[in-house]
């Protein structure tokens, strides 16, 4: 995480998403701009988070750690989202992991300033209730996806979600080279079943296996299989 001292860029994001309008009082003096580089965590489960973050540019995956030590994908975050709304209530302890999959900007306000100045602000509290309601709906939808959709569909959507951001461009073709063990955990499946499904996508001409990465050959086929799952 790096604090960016660029008032022009900060003010651009504040204006673009009307962040100042969330509060009844002027909170702009307490707003700061942060850059998270690819693969950095904005927060980690059971660790302290010091800011209420407004996710204004980039993409991140949100996942939880299960009691058996494995990870499970919850959703993807794209602008505009709030990170820290639950932590604002639960005194700074993160309840999930948020890891950026491309360089990401967040506007942050220290939680100590939030609690000092707007803890009783009806306008701000209504907005937080709205964010929590939206988050509950999203998590309910993603839980249904994890339970009811075949891995082929979920994997196709996952590939599309990460490939444009995390992976390099080689000969103008989109590729992805994520850790397959981690991917199988996030998608709630076995490593063997993941390999079978990847091979199936290869046989359908959607992707191609190279030495240490997969190449997307038919993005339309993946989009057809993915639908709106991880949008």
C-alpha atoms as a PDB file:
ATOM      1  CA  UNK A   1       0.000   0.000   0.000  1.00  0.00           C
ATOM      2  CA  UNK A   2       1.312   3.408  -0.973  1.00  0.00           C
ATOM      3  CA  UNK A   3      -0.138   6.787  -0.074  1.00  0.00           C
ATOM      4  CA  UNK A   4      -0.401   8.962  -3.196  1.00  0.00           C
ATOM      5  CA  UNK A   5       0.047  12.682  -2.652  1.00  0.00           C
ATOM      6  CA  UNK A   6      -1.819  13.903  -5.711  1.00  0.00           C
ATOM      7  CA  UNK A   7      -4.676  16.251  -4.797  1.00  0.00           C
ATOM      8  CA  UNK A   8      -5.810  16.557  -8.397  1.00  0.00           C
ATOM      9  CA  UNK A   9      -6.242  12.790  -8.713  1.00  0.00           C
ATOM     10  CA  UNK A  10      -7.838  12.549  -5.280  1.00  0.00           C
ATOM     11  CA  UNK A  11     -10.330  15.308  -6.063  1.00  0.00           C
ATOM     12  CA  UNK A  12     -11.117  13.644  -9.388  1.00  0.00           C
ATOM     13  CA  UNK A  13     -12.222  10.438  -7.643  1.00  0.00           C
ATOM     14  CA  UNK A  14     -14.114  12.343  -4.945  1.00  0.00           C
ATOM     15  CA  UNK A  15     -16.026  14.225  -7.623  1.00  0.00           C
ATOM     16  CA  UNK A  16     -16.557  11.215  -9.917  1.00  0.00           C
ATOM     17  CA  UNK A  17     -18.234   9.145  -7.203  1.00  0.00           C
ATOM     18  CA  UNK A  18     -19.623  12.042  -5.101  1.00  0.00           C
ATOM     19  CA  UNK A  19     -17.861  10.670  -2.037  1.00  0.00           C
ATOM     20  CA  UNK A  20     -18.210  14.001  -0.234  1.00  0.00           C
ATOM     21  CA  UNK A  21     -21.999  13.736  -0.546  1.00  0.00           C
ATOM     22  CA  UNK A  22     -22.096  10.639   1.659  1.00  0.00           C
ATOM     23  CA  UNK A  23     -21.594  12.814   4.748  1.00  0.00           C
ATOM     24  CA  UNK A  24     -23.518  15.683   6.290  1.00  0.00           C
ATOM     25  CA  UNK A  25     -20.270  17.474   7.145  1.00  0.00           C
ATOM     26  CA  UNK A  26     -17.132  18.134   5.122  1.00  0.00           C
ATOM     27  CA  UNK A  27     -14.905  15.051   5.398  1.00  0.00           C
ATOM     28  CA  UNK A  28     -12.645  15.899   2.448  1.00  0.00           C
ATOM     29  CA  UNK A  29      -9.780  17.092   4.716  1.00  0.00           C
ATOM     30  CA  UNK A  30      -9.550  13.543   6.089  1.00  0.00           C
ATOM     31  CA  UNK A  31      -9.582  11.782   2.707  1.00  0.00           C
ATOM     32  CA  UNK A  32      -6.390  10.257   1.328  1.00  0.00           C
ATOM     33  CA  UNK A  33      -5.562   8.409  -1.889  1.00  0.00           C
ATOM     34  CA  UNK A  34      -3.941   4.968  -1.732  1.00  0.00           C
ATOM     35  CA  UNK A  35      -2.449   2.741  -4.407  1.00  0.00           C
ATOM     36  CA  UNK A  36      -2.430  -1.039  -3.994  1.00  0.00           C
ATOM     37  CA  UNK A  37      -0.180  -2.867  -6.419  1.00  0.00           C
ATOM     38  CA  UNK A  38      -1.264  -6.119  -8.044  1.00  0.00           C
ATOM     39  CA  UNK A  39      -1.530  -9.034  -5.536  1.00  0.00           C
ATOM     40  CA  UNK A  40      -1.428  -6.735  -2.500  1.00  0.00           C
ATOM     41  CA  UNK A  41      -4.134  -7.115   0.127  1.00  0.00           C
ATOM     42  CA  UNK A  42      -6.339  -4.199   1.085  1.00  0.00           C
ATOM     43  CA  UNK A  43      -7.252  -6.162   4.188  1.00  0.00           C
ATOM     44  CA  UNK A  44      -6.764  -9.642   5.608  1.00  0.00           C
ATOM     45  CA  UNK A  45      -9.174 -11.680   7.706  1.00  0.00           C
ATOM     46  CA  UNK A  46      -8.841 -11.178  11.480  1.00  0.00           C
ATOM     47  CA  UNK A  47      -6.306  -8.363  11.045  1.00  0.00           C
ATOM     48  CA  UNK A  48      -6.864  -4.703  11.844  1.00  0.00           C
ATOM     49  CA  UNK A  49      -7.974  -2.298   9.154  1.00  0.00           C
ATOM     50  CA  UNK A  50      -7.332   1.358   9.867  1.00  0.00           C
ATOM     51  CA  UNK A  51      -9.339   3.043   7.103  1.00  0.00           C
ATOM     52  CA  UNK A  52     -12.749   3.086   5.568  1.00  0.00           C
ATOM     53  CA  UNK A  53     -11.868   2.602   1.888  1.00  0.00           C
ATOM     54  CA  UNK A  54     -13.801   3.685  -1.171  1.00  0.00           C
ATOM     55  CA  UNK A  55     -12.809   1.427  -4.059  1.00  0.00           C
ATOM     56  CA  UNK A  56     -12.494   3.836  -7.013  1.00  0.00           C
ATOM     57  CA  UNK A  57     -10.320   2.111  -9.648  1.00  0.00           C
ATOM     58  CA  UNK A  58      -9.108  -1.437 -10.291  1.00  0.00           C
ATOM     59  CA  UNK A  59     -10.332  -4.918  -9.452  1.00  0.00           C
ATOM     60  CA  UNK A  60     -10.031  -7.203  -6.436  1.00  0.00           C
ATOM     61  CA  UNK A  61     -11.137 -10.639  -5.347  1.00  0.00           C
ATOM     62  CA  UNK A  62     -12.806 -11.118  -1.990  1.00  0.00           C
ATOM     63  CA  UNK A  63     -12.351 -14.465  -0.297  1.00  0.00           C
ATOM     64  CA  UNK A  64     -12.689 -16.036   3.112  1.00  0.00           C
ATOM     65  CA  UNK A  65     -10.526 -18.550   4.955  1.00  0.00           C
ATOM     66  CA  UNK A  66     -12.345 -21.666   6.138  1.00  0.00           C
ATOM     67  CA  UNK A  67     -11.643 -23.554   9.347  1.00  0.00           C
ATOM     68  CA  UNK A  68      -9.820 -26.259   7.359  1.00  0.00           C
ATOM     69  CA  UNK A  69      -7.322 -23.687   6.115  1.00  0.00           C
ATOM     70  CA  UNK A  70      -8.708 -23.479   2.592  1.00  0.00           C
ATOM     71  CA  UNK A  71      -9.941 -20.364   0.820  1.00  0.00           C
ATOM     72  CA  UNK A  72     -13.339 -19.776  -0.772  1.00  0.00           C
ATOM     73  CA  UNK A  73     -14.118 -17.053  -3.296  1.00  0.00           C
ATOM     74  CA  UNK A  74     -16.890 -14.704  -2.187  1.00  0.00           C
ATOM     75  CA  UNK A  75     -17.006 -12.148  -4.979  1.00  0.00           C
ATOM     76  CA  UNK A  76     -15.047  -9.675  -7.086  1.00  0.00           C
ATOM     77  CA  UNK A  77     -14.914  -5.965  -6.327  1.00  0.00           C
ATOM     78  CA  UNK A  78     -14.924  -3.258  -8.971  1.00  0.00           C
ATOM     79  CA  UNK A  79     -15.662   0.455  -8.552  1.00  0.00           C
ATOM     80  CA  UNK A  80     -17.609   1.772  -6.750  1.00  0.00           C
ATOM     81  CA  UNK A  81     -17.532  -0.256  -3.514  1.00  0.00           C
ATOM     82  CA  UNK A  82     -16.949   0.432   0.163  1.00  0.00           C
ATOM     83  CA  UNK A  83     -14.427  -1.652   2.100  1.00  0.00           C
ATOM     84  CA  UNK A  84     -14.506  -1.412   5.863  1.00  0.00           C
ATOM     85  CA  UNK A  85     -18.230  -0.942   6.440  1.00  0.00           C
ATOM     86  CA  UNK A  86     -18.441  -4.112   8.539  1.00  0.00           C
ATOM     87  CA  UNK A  87     -15.125  -3.306  10.225  1.00  0.00           C
ATOM     88  CA  UNK A  88     -16.481   0.145  11.115  1.00  0.00           C
ATOM     89  CA  UNK A  89     -19.061  -1.675  13.240  1.00  0.00           C
ATOM     90  CA  UNK A  90     -16.772  -4.449  14.508  1.00  0.00           C
ATOM     91  CA  UNK A  91     -13.926  -2.223  15.633  1.00  0.00           C
ATOM     92  CA  UNK A  92     -11.377  -2.553  12.856  1.00  0.00           C
ATOM     93  CA  UNK A  93     -11.078  -6.365  12.580  1.00  0.00           C
ATOM     94  CA  UNK A  94     -11.444  -7.490   8.957  1.00  0.00           C
ATOM     95  CA  UNK A  95     -13.915 -10.315   8.378  1.00  0.00           C
ATOM     96  CA  UNK A  96     -12.582 -11.335   4.941  1.00  0.00           C
ATOM     97  CA  UNK A  97      -9.606 -10.988   2.606  1.00  0.00           C
ATOM     98  CA  UNK A  98      -9.576  -8.425  -0.189  1.00  0.00           C
ATOM     99  CA  UNK A  99      -6.695  -8.919  -2.647  1.00  0.00           C
ATOM    100  CA  UNK A 100      -6.272  -6.715  -5.703  1.00  0.00           C
ATOM    101  CA  UNK A 101      -5.737  -8.471  -9.033  1.00  0.00           C
ATOM    102  CA  UNK A 102      -4.628  -5.319 -10.817  1.00  0.00           C
ATOM    103  CA  UNK A 103      -3.221  -1.997  -9.644  1.00  0.00           C
ATOM    104  CA  UNK A 104      -6.011  -0.416  -7.621  1.00  0.00           C
ATOM    105  CA  UNK A 105      -6.793   3.004  -6.178  1.00  0.00           C
ATOM    106  CA  UNK A 106      -8.820   3.585  -3.028  1.00  0.00           C
ATOM    107  CA  UNK A 107      -9.852   6.767  -1.280  1.00  0.00           C
ATOM    108  CA  UNK A 108      -9.434   6.182   2.443  1.00  0.00           C
ATOM    109  CA  UNK A 109     -10.607   7.910   5.608  1.00  0.00           C
ATOM    110  CA  UNK A 110      -9.099   6.848   8.953  1.00  0.00           C
ATOM    111  CA  UNK A 111     -11.694   4.966  10.978  1.00  0.00           C
ATOM    112  CA  UNK A 112     -10.791   7.054  13.998  1.00  0.00           C
ATOM    113  CA  UNK A 113     -11.971  10.149  12.094  1.00  0.00           C
ATOM    114  CA  UNK A 114     -15.110   8.348  10.973  1.00  0.00           C
ATOM    115  CA  UNK A 115     -15.962   7.481  14.576  1.00  0.00           C
ATOM    116  CA  UNK A 116     -15.073  10.946  15.852  1.00  0.00           C
ATOM    117  CA  UNK A 117     -17.048  13.018  13.355  1.00  0.00           C
ATOM    118  CA  UNK A 118     -19.793  10.955  11.708  1.00  0.00           C
ATOM    119  CA  UNK A 119     -20.639   8.128  14.095  1.00  0.00           C
ATOM    120  CA  UNK A 120     -24.069   9.754  14.620  1.00  0.00           C
ATOM    121  CA  UNK A 121     -24.462  11.241  11.149  1.00  0.00           C
ATOM    122  CA  UNK A 122     -27.844   9.968   9.828  1.00  0.00           C
ATOM    123  CA  UNK A 123     -26.863  10.559   6.201  1.00  0.00           C
ATOM    124  CA  UNK A 124     -23.665   8.539   6.548  1.00  0.00           C
ATOM    125  CA  UNK A 125     -25.336   5.780   8.579  1.00  0.00           C
ATOM    126  CA  UNK A 126     -28.109   5.411   5.985  1.00  0.00           C
ATOM    127  CA  UNK A 127     -25.441   5.007   3.331  1.00  0.00           C
ATOM    128  CA  UNK A 128     -23.644   2.359   5.399  1.00  0.00           C
ATOM    129  CA  UNK A 129     -26.933   0.475   5.845  1.00  0.00           C
ATOM    130  CA  UNK A 130     -27.422   0.582   2.079  1.00  0.00           C
ATOM    131  CA  UNK A 131     -23.891  -0.772   1.503  1.00  0.00           C
ATOM    132  CA  UNK A 132     -24.376  -3.586   4.006  1.00  0.00           C
ATOM    133  CA  UNK A 133     -27.710  -4.506   2.427  1.00  0.00           C
ATOM    134  CA  UNK A 134     -26.128  -4.632  -1.020  1.00  0.00           C
ATOM    135  CA  UNK A 135     -23.234  -6.716   0.326  1.00  0.00           C
ATOM    136  CA  UNK A 136     -25.648  -9.191   1.929  1.00  0.00           C
ATOM    137  CA  UNK A 137     -27.529  -9.566  -1.361  1.00  0.00           C
ATOM    138  CA  UNK A 138     -24.303 -10.080  -3.305  1.00  0.00           C
ATOM    139  CA  UNK A 139     -22.999 -12.705  -0.908  1.00  0.00           C
ATOM    140  CA  UNK A 140     -26.320 -14.526  -1.017  1.00  0.00           C
ATOM    141  CA  UNK A 141     -26.167 -14.556  -4.817  1.00  0.00           C
ATOM    142  CA  UNK A 142     -22.573 -15.783  -4.855  1.00  0.00           C
ATOM    143  CA  UNK A 143     -23.375 -18.509  -2.342  1.00  0.00           C
ATOM    144  CA  UNK A 144     -26.111 -19.705  -4.690  1.00  0.00           C
ATOM    145  CA  UNK A 145     -23.653 -19.651  -7.586  1.00  0.00           C
ATOM    146  CA  UNK A 146     -21.121 -21.751  -5.653  1.00  0.00           C
ATOM    147  CA  UNK A 147     -23.808 -24.295  -4.776  1.00  0.00           C
ATOM    148  CA  UNK A 148     -25.873 -24.530  -7.944  1.00  0.00           C
ATOM    149  CA  UNK A 149     -23.704 -23.808 -10.992  1.00  0.00           C
ATOM    150  CA  UNK A 150     -21.375 -26.398 -12.570  1.00  0.00           C
ATOM    151  CA  UNK A 151     -17.655 -25.761 -12.307  1.00  0.00           C
ATOM    152  CA  UNK A 152     -17.439 -25.264 -16.078  1.00  0.00           C
ATOM    153  CA  UNK A 153     -19.565 -22.121 -15.810  1.00  0.00           C
ATOM    154  CA  UNK A 154     -17.929 -20.789 -12.671  1.00  0.00           C
ATOM    155  CA  UNK A 155     -14.422 -21.426 -14.008  1.00  0.00           C
ATOM    156  CA  UNK A 156     -15.199 -19.667 -17.286  1.00  0.00           C
ATOM    157  CA  UNK A 157     -16.430 -16.630 -15.377  1.00  0.00           C
ATOM    158  CA  UNK A 158     -13.400 -16.702 -13.060  1.00  0.00           C
ATOM    159  CA  UNK A 159     -10.995 -16.840 -16.015  1.00  0.00           C
ATOM    160  CA  UNK A 160     -12.671 -13.834 -17.609  1.00  0.00           C
ATOM    161  CA  UNK A 161     -12.585 -11.941 -14.320  1.00  0.00           C
ATOM    162  CA  UNK A 162      -8.847 -12.392 -13.791  1.00  0.00           C
ATOM    163  CA  UNK A 163      -7.368 -12.720 -17.275  1.00  0.00           C
ATOM    164  CA  UNK A 164      -7.654  -9.126 -18.431  1.00  0.00           C
ATOM    165  CA  UNK A 165      -5.920  -7.878 -15.314  1.00  0.00           C
ATOM    166  CA  UNK A 166      -3.511 -10.330 -13.800  1.00  0.00           C
ATOM    167  CA  UNK A 167      -1.799 -11.743 -16.788  1.00  0.00           C
ATOM    168  CA  UNK A 168       0.676 -10.496 -19.330  1.00  0.00           C
ATOM    169  CA  UNK A 169      -0.027 -10.012 -23.006  1.00  0.00           C
ATOM    170  CA  UNK A 170       1.946 -12.261 -25.319  1.00  0.00           C
ATOM    171  CA  UNK A 171       1.639 -12.044 -29.105  1.00  0.00           C
ATOM    172  CA  UNK A 172      -1.618 -10.106 -28.647  1.00  0.00           C
ATOM    173  CA  UNK A 173      -3.301 -13.118 -26.990  1.00  0.00           C
ATOM    174  CA  UNK A 174      -4.860 -12.998 -23.522  1.00  0.00           C
ATOM    175  CA  UNK A 175      -3.343 -15.507 -21.131  1.00  0.00           C
ATOM    176  CA  UNK A 176      -3.776 -16.471 -17.497  1.00  0.00           C
ATOM    177  CA  UNK A 177      -1.298 -18.278 -15.266  1.00  0.00           C
ATOM    178  CA  UNK A 178      -2.857 -18.388 -11.827  1.00  0.00           C
ATOM    179  CA  UNK A 179      -1.925 -20.936  -9.183  1.00  0.00           C
ATOM    180  CA  UNK A 180      -4.203 -23.901  -9.899  1.00  0.00           C
ATOM    181  CA  UNK A 181      -4.195 -25.192  -6.332  1.00  0.00           C
ATOM    182  CA  UNK A 182      -5.326 -21.795  -5.082  1.00  0.00           C
ATOM    183  CA  UNK A 183      -7.865 -21.568  -7.895  1.00  0.00           C
ATOM    184  CA  UNK A 184      -9.399 -24.944  -7.010  1.00  0.00           C
ATOM    185  CA  UNK A 185      -9.780 -23.844  -3.384  1.00  0.00           C
ATOM    186  CA  UNK A 186     -11.341 -20.516  -4.296  1.00  0.00           C
ATOM    187  CA  UNK A 187     -13.858 -22.242  -6.557  1.00  0.00           C
ATOM    188  CA  UNK A 188     -14.654 -24.890  -3.951  1.00  0.00           C
ATOM    189  CA  UNK A 189     -13.545 -27.884  -5.984  1.00  0.00           C
ATOM    190  CA  UNK A 190     -10.779 -30.470  -6.064  1.00  0.00           C
ATOM    191  CA  UNK A 191      -7.549 -29.962  -7.963  1.00  0.00           C
ATOM    192  CA  UNK A 192      -8.333 -33.021 -10.089  1.00  0.00           C
ATOM    193  CA  UNK A 193     -11.804 -31.775 -11.016  1.00  0.00           C
ATOM    194  CA  UNK A 194     -10.345 -28.381 -11.906  1.00  0.00           C
ATOM    195  CA  UNK A 195      -7.845 -30.016 -14.275  1.00  0.00           C
ATOM    196  CA  UNK A 196     -10.621 -32.058 -15.896  1.00  0.00           C
ATOM    197  CA  UNK A 197     -12.673 -28.922 -16.427  1.00  0.00           C
ATOM    198  CA  UNK A 198      -9.710 -27.002 -17.845  1.00  0.00           C
ATOM    199  CA  UNK A 199      -9.091 -29.891 -20.240  1.00  0.00           C
ATOM    200  CA  UNK A 200     -12.747 -29.788 -21.243  1.00  0.00           C
ATOM    201  CA  UNK A 201     -12.477 -26.081 -22.039  1.00  0.00           C
ATOM    202  CA  UNK A 202      -9.359 -26.890 -24.067  1.00  0.00           C
ATOM    203  CA  UNK A 203     -11.218 -29.572 -26.035  1.00  0.00           C
ATOM    204  CA  UNK A 204     -14.003 -27.069 -26.755  1.00  0.00           C
ATOM    205  CA  UNK A 205     -11.459 -24.644 -28.204  1.00  0.00           C
ATOM    206  CA  UNK A 206     -12.068 -21.982 -25.563  1.00  0.00           C
ATOM    207  CA  UNK A 207      -8.547 -22.081 -24.104  1.00  0.00           C
ATOM    208  CA  UNK A 208      -5.195 -23.672 -24.876  1.00  0.00           C
ATOM    209  CA  UNK A 209      -2.637 -25.150 -22.486  1.00  0.00           C
ATOM    210  CA  UNK A 210       0.925 -23.951 -22.941  1.00  0.00           C
ATOM    211  CA  UNK A 211       3.980 -24.650 -20.788  1.00  0.00           C
ATOM    212  CA  UNK A 212       3.108 -22.773 -17.616  1.00  0.00           C
ATOM    213  CA  UNK A 213      -0.008 -20.845 -18.558  1.00  0.00           C
ATOM    214  CA  UNK A 214      -3.300 -21.057 -20.425  1.00  0.00           C
ATOM    215  CA  UNK A 215      -4.156 -18.944 -23.434  1.00  0.00           C
ATOM    216  CA  UNK A 216      -7.674 -17.768 -24.227  1.00  0.00           C
ATOM    217  CA  UNK A 217      -8.547 -18.734 -27.799  1.00  0.00           C
ATOM    218  CA  UNK A 218     -12.292 -18.085 -27.896  1.00  0.00           C
ATOM    219  CA  UNK A 219     -13.431 -15.384 -25.494  1.00  0.00           C
ATOM    220  CA  UNK A 220     -16.994 -15.581 -26.852  1.00  0.00           C
ATOM    221  CA  UNK A 221     -17.217 -19.226 -25.797  1.00  0.00           C
ATOM    222  CA  UNK A 222     -16.085 -18.346 -22.277  1.00  0.00           C
ATOM    223  CA  UNK A 223     -18.579 -15.478 -22.118  1.00  0.00           C
ATOM    224  CA  UNK A 224     -21.346 -17.829 -23.222  1.00  0.00           C
ATOM    225  CA  UNK A 225     -20.497 -20.285 -20.458  1.00  0.00           C
ATOM    226  CA  UNK A 226     -19.876 -17.582 -17.847  1.00  0.00           C
ATOM    227  CA  UNK A 227     -23.065 -15.587 -18.301  1.00  0.00           C
ATOM    228  CA  UNK A 228     -23.367 -13.039 -15.506  1.00  0.00           C
ATOM    229  CA  UNK A 229     -21.942 -15.223 -12.719  1.00  0.00           C
ATOM    230  CA  UNK A 230     -19.017 -13.190 -11.405  1.00  0.00           C
ATOM    231  CA  UNK A 231     -19.936  -9.804 -12.852  1.00  0.00           C
END
